[in-house]
Amino acid sequence: MNAPKTARTRRTYVGAGSTREASRPRVSPELIAVLATRLQPRDVWLLELLHEHRVLTTHQIHQLAFSSISAATHRMLVLWRLRAVERFRPAVAAGSAPLHYVLGPAGATILAERRRLSAAQFGYRLDRALSLAVSDKLTHLVGSNGMFAALTAYARTHPGARLDAWWSERRCAAVWGKIVRPDGYGRWHHDGHATDFFTEYDTGTEPLNRLLAKIGDYITLADMTGITHTPVLFVLPNPAREQHLHARTHPTAPPIATTTPQALNDAGGPAGPAWHPITPTGQNPPRRLIDLTAQTGGTP
């Protein structure tokens, strides 16, 4: 499979491993009929997630729905051969990136039919889906989705936990876009308690002042709605940037908490004690996600 022809194609490999593209059937009414009989409820759920959240890696799909990487890889291969999904592998400086999956044309047809929509009304385009392979937004989107995949994985092995909501950036923009545009919104239950939260996944490409402006937007949202206790979670690329944000931010309503990918790994994921809230005293031992709503504050 060839990558979309863009200026970045040379540094991104788009493909599907050793299985040749020619071995896959073309999209046709016959293929859609076969796919419809082969889809399991979990498959449909994954297609819906890909439609909503645009891209998921093999590891994230394992976290979301499978007991092992091998099981996830095998099932996604079946769905790829039936064109329910498409996949690509971004180029990286060293080693090999995981396969990244997006919604495929046959999968989009199935979802459109479930909604009683035509293909045009559903709005799917294969070239647009695969353009993520060469998009500067890919790392940001995968990182943001990884937060929710990790929470889902935690809930699958902890009976007292569950993720009740996971909204994409697009859905958040439809609701709050005139004020703030979160990367994601979720609702988390843990140990008999519940909290809503917003996410901001920072890759370090924006100036720090832009992050401060986002915090101001969340304060405006809290003032307008009267909901001042919903945490805003910033994932920052390294401890230095995290420290700089803390140094330039006062406690706010809603509460702000930060972490880094390494801290998330050390804490066993975003459900664990990975979050450093911005507090009036500056003392911020790491807290679990469910414990962040205890934080209060004033203005930046």
Protein backbone atom coordinates (compact mmCIF):
# COMPACT_ATOMS: atom_id res chain seq x y z
CA MET A 1 0.00 0.00 0.00
CA ASN A 2 1.42 3.37 -0.98
CA ALA A 3 1.44 6.34 1.34
CA PRO A 4 -0.42 9.51 0.40
CA LYS A 5 1.90 11.66 -1.69
CA THR A 6 2.98 14.44 0.61
CA ALA A 7 6.24 16.12 1.46
CA ARG A 8 6.67 13.84 4.47
CA THR A 9 6.14 10.53 2.70
CA ARG A 10 9.88 9.86 2.50
CA ARG A 11 10.23 9.60 6.27
CA THR A 12 7.12 7.53 6.90
CA TYR A 13 6.56 3.95 5.81
CA VAL A 14 2.92 3.11 5.22
CA GLY A 15 2.18 -0.56 4.86
CA ALA A 16 1.01 -3.78 6.38
CA GLY A 17 4.03 -5.93 6.99
CA SER A 18 4.76 -8.97 4.86
CA THR A 19 1.19 -9.61 3.63
CA ARG A 20 0.79 -8.24 0.14
CA GLU A 21 -1.90 -5.66 -0.63
CA ALA A 22 -2.91 -7.76 -3.63
CA SER A 23 -4.12 -10.53 -1.34
CA ARG A 24 -6.96 -8.36 -0.08
CA PRO A 25 -10.31 -8.26 -1.88
CA ARG A 26 -11.62 -5.01 -3.29
CA VAL A 27 -14.46 -3.29 -1.47
CA SER A 28 -17.71 -4.56 -2.93
CA PRO A 29 -21.24 -5.46 -1.81
CA GLU A 30 -20.05 -9.06 -1.58
CA LEU A 31 -17.19 -8.12 0.74
CA ILE A 32 -19.49 -6.03 2.94
CA ALA A 33 -21.87 -9.00 3.22
CA VAL A 34 -19.01 -11.29 4.24
CA LEU A 35 -17.68 -8.75 6.73
CA ALA A 36 -21.11 -8.32 8.31
CA THR A 37 -21.25 -12.04 9.06
CA ARG A 38 -17.72 -12.12 10.47
CA LEU A 39 -17.92 -9.14 12.80
CA GLN A 40 -18.17 -9.79 16.51
CA PRO A 41 -19.61 -7.22 18.96
CA ARG A 42 -16.07 -6.41 20.11
CA ASP A 43 -15.07 -5.74 16.49
CA VAL A 44 -17.93 -3.29 16.01
CA TRP A 45 -16.96 -1.54 19.24
CA LEU A 46 -13.37 -1.18 18.00
CA LEU A 47 -14.58 0.20 14.67
CA GLU A 48 -16.66 2.76 16.54
CA LEU A 49 -13.60 3.73 18.60
CA LEU A 50 -11.52 4.16 15.44
CA HIS A 51 -14.25 6.30 13.94
CA GLU A 52 -14.42 8.50 17.04
CA HIS A 53 -10.74 8.64 17.99
CA ARG A 54 -9.16 8.23 14.53
CA VAL A 55 -6.12 6.06 15.33
CA LEU A 56 -5.09 3.34 17.79
CA THR A 57 -1.89 1.33 18.04
CA THR A 58 -1.66 -2.43 18.47
CA HIS A 59 -0.71 -1.92 22.12
CA GLN A 60 -3.70 0.34 22.75
CA ILE A 61 -6.07 -2.13 21.11
CA HIS A 62 -4.60 -4.84 23.34
CA GLN A 63 -5.24 -2.64 26.39
CA LEU A 64 -8.79 -1.91 25.29
CA ALA A 65 -10.07 -5.31 24.33
CA PHE A 66 -7.68 -8.28 24.27
CA SER A 67 -5.90 -10.54 26.72
CA SER A 68 -2.60 -10.47 24.82
CA ILE A 69 -0.73 -8.65 22.07
CA SER A 70 -0.80 -11.78 19.93
CA ALA A 71 -4.59 -12.03 20.20
CA ALA A 72 -4.98 -8.35 19.29
CA THR A 73 -2.55 -8.68 16.37
CA HIS A 74 -4.31 -11.76 15.00
CA ARG A 75 -7.79 -10.26 15.16
CA MET A 76 -6.71 -6.95 13.63
CA LEU A 77 -5.06 -8.88 10.79
CA VAL A 78 -8.43 -10.52 10.08
CA LEU A 79 -10.15 -7.13 10.08
CA TRP A 80 -7.42 -5.65 7.88
CA ARG A 81 -7.75 -8.43 5.31
CA LEU A 82 -11.48 -7.72 5.15
CA ARG A 83 -10.74 -3.97 4.78
CA ALA A 84 -12.62 -3.13 7.97
CA VAL A 85 -9.46 -1.33 9.11
CA GLU A 86 -6.34 0.09 7.45
CA ARG A 87 -2.92 0.26 9.04
CA PHE A 88 0.46 1.91 8.74
CA ARG A 89 3.77 1.96 10.55
CA PRO A 90 5.34 5.41 11.07
CA ALA A 91 9.06 5.75 10.62
CA VAL A 92 11.07 6.34 13.80
CA ALA A 93 14.67 7.34 14.37
CA ALA A 94 15.57 4.00 15.95
CA GLY A 95 13.86 0.63 16.14
CA SER A 96 10.38 0.00 14.79
CA ALA A 97 7.11 1.75 15.58
CA PRO A 98 3.99 -0.32 16.31
CA LEU A 99 1.32 -0.71 13.69
CA HIS A 100 -1.23 2.09 13.79
CA TYR A 101 -4.83 1.32 12.83
CA VAL A 102 -7.47 3.59 11.30
CA LEU A 103 -10.99 2.89 10.10
CA GLY A 104 -11.09 1.14 6.72
CA PRO A 105 -13.59 1.60 3.89
CA ALA A 106 -15.50 -1.63 4.54
CA GLY A 107 -15.67 -0.84 8.26
CA ALA A 108 -16.94 2.64 7.46
CA THR A 109 -19.65 1.16 5.25
CA ILE A 110 -20.77 -1.10 8.10
CA LEU A 111 -20.93 1.83 10.54
CA ALA A 112 -22.81 3.95 8.00
CA GLU A 113 -25.38 1.20 7.45
CA ARG A 114 -25.86 0.82 11.21
CA ARG A 115 -26.76 4.52 11.27
CA ARG A 116 -28.92 4.22 8.12
CA LEU A 117 -26.65 6.71 6.37
CA SER A 118 -25.22 6.75 2.90
CA ALA A 119 -21.46 6.69 2.47
CA ALA A 120 -21.55 10.38 1.56
CA GLN A 121 -23.61 11.24 4.62
CA PHE A 122 -21.26 9.27 6.87
CA GLY A 123 -18.38 11.37 5.56
CA TYR A 124 -15.63 8.76 5.48
CA ARG A 125 -12.65 9.19 3.16
CA LEU A 126 -9.81 6.68 3.00
CA ASP A 127 -7.21 9.26 1.95
CA ARG A 128 -8.13 11.42 4.94
CA ALA A 129 -7.88 8.47 7.33
CA LEU A 130 -4.45 7.46 6.02
CA SER A 131 -3.18 11.05 5.96
CA LEU A 132 -2.52 10.64 9.69
CA ALA A 133 0.50 8.54 8.71
CA VAL A 134 2.31 11.69 7.64
CA SER A 135 0.62 14.17 9.97
CA ASP A 136 2.47 16.22 12.57
CA LYS A 137 -0.51 15.55 14.84
CA LEU A 138 0.01 11.79 14.96
CA THR A 139 2.23 11.68 18.06
CA HIS A 140 -0.11 14.01 19.91
CA LEU A 141 -3.22 12.02 18.98
CA VAL A 142 -1.69 8.64 19.85
CA GLY A 143 -0.44 9.98 23.18
CA SER A 144 -3.83 11.43 24.05
CA ASN A 145 -5.66 8.22 23.15
CA GLY A 146 -3.10 6.24 25.13
CA MET A 147 -4.29 7.88 28.35
CA PHE A 148 -7.78 6.47 27.95
CA ALA A 149 -6.61 3.10 26.68
CA ALA A 150 -4.47 2.75 29.81
CA LEU A 151 -7.42 3.62 32.07
CA THR A 152 -9.53 1.02 30.27
CA ALA A 153 -6.80 -1.58 30.75
CA TYR A 154 -6.62 -0.77 34.47
CA ALA A 155 -10.39 -1.08 34.82
CA ARG A 156 -10.37 -4.47 33.09
CA THR A 157 -8.22 -5.91 35.89
CA HIS A 158 -9.57 -3.90 38.86
CA PRO A 159 -13.25 -4.60 39.69
CA GLY A 160 -13.59 -1.31 41.59
CA ALA A 161 -12.66 0.82 38.59
CA ARG A 162 -14.32 1.75 35.31
CA LEU A 163 -14.11 4.39 32.60
CA ASP A 164 -17.64 5.61 31.95
CA ALA A 165 -16.87 8.27 29.33
CA TRP A 166 -14.17 8.91 26.74
CA TRP A 167 -14.76 11.85 24.43
CA SER A 168 -12.54 12.77 21.52
CA GLU A 169 -11.16 16.22 20.76
CA ARG A 170 -13.76 16.56 18.03
CA ARG A 171 -16.64 15.80 20.39
CA CYS A 172 -15.24 18.12 23.05
CA ALA A 173 -14.99 20.92 20.49
CA ALA A 174 -18.64 20.45 19.56
CA VAL A 175 -19.66 21.03 23.19
CA TRP A 176 -17.10 23.51 24.57
CA GLY A 177 -15.25 24.72 21.49
CA LYS A 178 -16.24 28.37 21.85
CA ILE A 179 -14.39 28.48 25.17
CA VAL A 180 -11.87 25.65 25.34
CA ARG A 181 -10.80 22.68 23.20
CA PRO A 182 -9.65 19.78 25.38
CA ASP A 183 -7.77 16.88 23.84
CA GLY A 184 -10.19 14.60 25.66
CA TYR A 185 -12.81 14.34 28.35
CA GLY A 186 -13.49 11.38 30.60
CA ARG A 187 -15.44 10.15 33.61
CA TRP A 188 -13.58 7.83 35.97
CA HIS A 189 -14.93 5.63 38.79
CA HIS A 190 -12.53 4.18 41.33
CA ASP A 191 -12.95 2.81 44.85
CA GLY A 192 -16.54 4.02 45.16
CA HIS A 193 -15.81 7.57 43.97
CA ALA A 194 -16.18 9.29 40.60
CA THR A 195 -14.60 12.25 38.86
CA ASP A 196 -14.86 13.92 35.49
CA PHE A 197 -11.65 15.22 33.94
CA PHE A 198 -10.23 17.00 30.90
CA THR A 199 -6.94 16.02 29.27
CA GLU A 200 -4.24 18.07 27.57
CA TYR A 201 -1.44 16.05 25.97
CA ASP A 202 1.57 18.29 25.38
CA THR A 203 4.41 17.20 23.08
CA GLY A 204 6.51 20.27 23.80
CA THR A 205 5.97 21.94 20.43
CA GLU A 206 3.90 24.84 21.77
CA PRO A 207 5.35 27.70 23.84
CA LEU A 208 4.64 27.59 27.56
CA ASN A 209 2.51 30.72 27.25
CA ARG A 210 0.09 28.72 25.11
CA LEU A 211 -0.38 26.23 27.96
CA LEU A 212 -0.99 29.10 30.38
CA ALA A 213 -3.59 30.51 28.02
CA LYS A 214 -5.34 27.12 27.96
CA ILE A 215 -5.50 27.15 31.75
CA GLY A 216 -7.14 30.57 31.51
CA ASP A 217 -9.72 29.12 29.12
CA TYR A 218 -10.57 26.35 31.60
CA ILE A 219 -11.00 28.95 34.33
CA THR A 220 -13.43 30.81 32.07
CA LEU A 221 -15.35 27.58 31.49
CA ALA A 222 -15.51 26.91 35.24
CA ASP A 223 -16.75 30.46 35.88
CA MET A 224 -19.44 30.17 33.22
CA THR A 225 -20.71 26.75 34.31
CA GLY A 226 -20.10 26.98 38.05
CA ILE A 227 -18.38 23.58 37.86
CA THR A 228 -15.06 24.26 39.55
CA HIS A 229 -13.94 20.81 40.66
CA THR A 230 -13.28 19.01 37.35
CA PRO A 231 -9.51 18.43 37.12
CA VAL A 232 -7.55 19.38 34.00
CA LEU A 233 -4.76 16.86 33.43
CA PHE A 234 -1.63 17.99 31.60
CA VAL A 235 0.76 15.33 30.31
CA LEU A 236 4.07 17.11 29.70
CA PRO A 237 7.04 15.65 27.81
CA ASN A 238 9.63 15.97 30.58
CA PRO A 239 10.09 17.06 34.23
CA ALA A 240 11.73 20.36 33.25
CA ARG A 241 8.68 21.53 31.32
CA GLU A 242 6.46 20.30 34.15
CA GLN A 243 8.46 22.35 36.68
CA HIS A 244 8.30 25.45 34.46
CA LEU A 245 4.52 25.19 34.21
CA HIS A 246 4.18 24.83 37.98
CA ALA A 247 6.45 27.82 38.56
CA ARG A 248 4.27 30.06 36.38
CA THR A 249 0.84 28.85 37.50
CA HIS A 250 -1.06 29.60 40.70
CA PRO A 251 -3.74 27.25 42.09
CA THR A 252 -6.90 27.45 40.05
CA ALA A 253 -10.50 26.41 40.02
CA PRO A 254 -10.73 23.96 38.29
CA PRO A 255 -7.72 22.13 39.73
CA ILE A 256 -4.72 21.53 37.48
CA ALA A 257 -2.52 18.46 37.76
CA THR A 258 0.51 17.45 35.72
CA THR A 259 2.55 14.38 34.91
CA THR A 260 5.05 13.05 32.37
CA PRO A 261 5.15 9.84 30.33
CA GLN A 262 7.90 8.49 32.60
CA ALA A 263 5.88 9.27 35.74
CA LEU A 264 2.86 7.54 34.22
CA ASN A 265 4.97 4.48 33.55
CA ASP A 266 6.41 4.49 37.08
CA ALA A 267 2.93 4.82 38.62
CA GLY A 268 1.47 1.98 36.59
CA GLY A 269 -0.63 4.26 34.42
CA PRO A 270 -2.91 7.31 34.78
CA ALA A 271 -5.09 5.70 37.45
CA GLY A 272 -2.14 5.50 39.83
CA PRO A 273 -0.21 8.13 41.83
CA ALA A 274 1.20 9.89 38.79
CA TRP A 275 -0.33 13.37 39.15
CA HIS A 276 1.21 16.45 40.74
CA PRO A 277 -1.51 19.01 41.55
CA ILE A 278 -0.73 22.70 41.58
CA THR A 279 -1.33 23.64 45.23
CA PRO A 280 -1.23 26.86 47.30
CA THR A 281 1.75 25.61 49.30
CA GLY A 282 3.68 24.17 46.40
CA GLN A 283 3.74 20.81 48.17
CA ASN A 284 2.42 18.32 45.66
CA PRO A 285 3.19 14.69 46.37
CA PRO A 286 1.86 12.50 43.57
CA ARG A 287 -1.81 11.61 43.74
CA ARG A 288 -4.10 9.14 42.05
CA LEU A 289 -6.51 10.46 39.45
CA ILE A 290 -9.51 9.77 41.67
CA ASP A 291 -7.98 11.84 44.50
CA LEU A 292 -7.49 15.04 42.49
CA THR A 293 -10.96 16.47 43.10
CA ALA A 294 -9.94 17.23 46.68
CA GLN A 295 -7.82 20.10 45.33
CA THR A 296 -9.23 23.63 45.42
CA GLY A 297 -7.80 26.98 44.58
CA GLY A 298 -8.27 30.57 43.51
CA THR A 299 -7.11 32.28 40.32
CA PRO A 300 -3.95 32.18 38.19
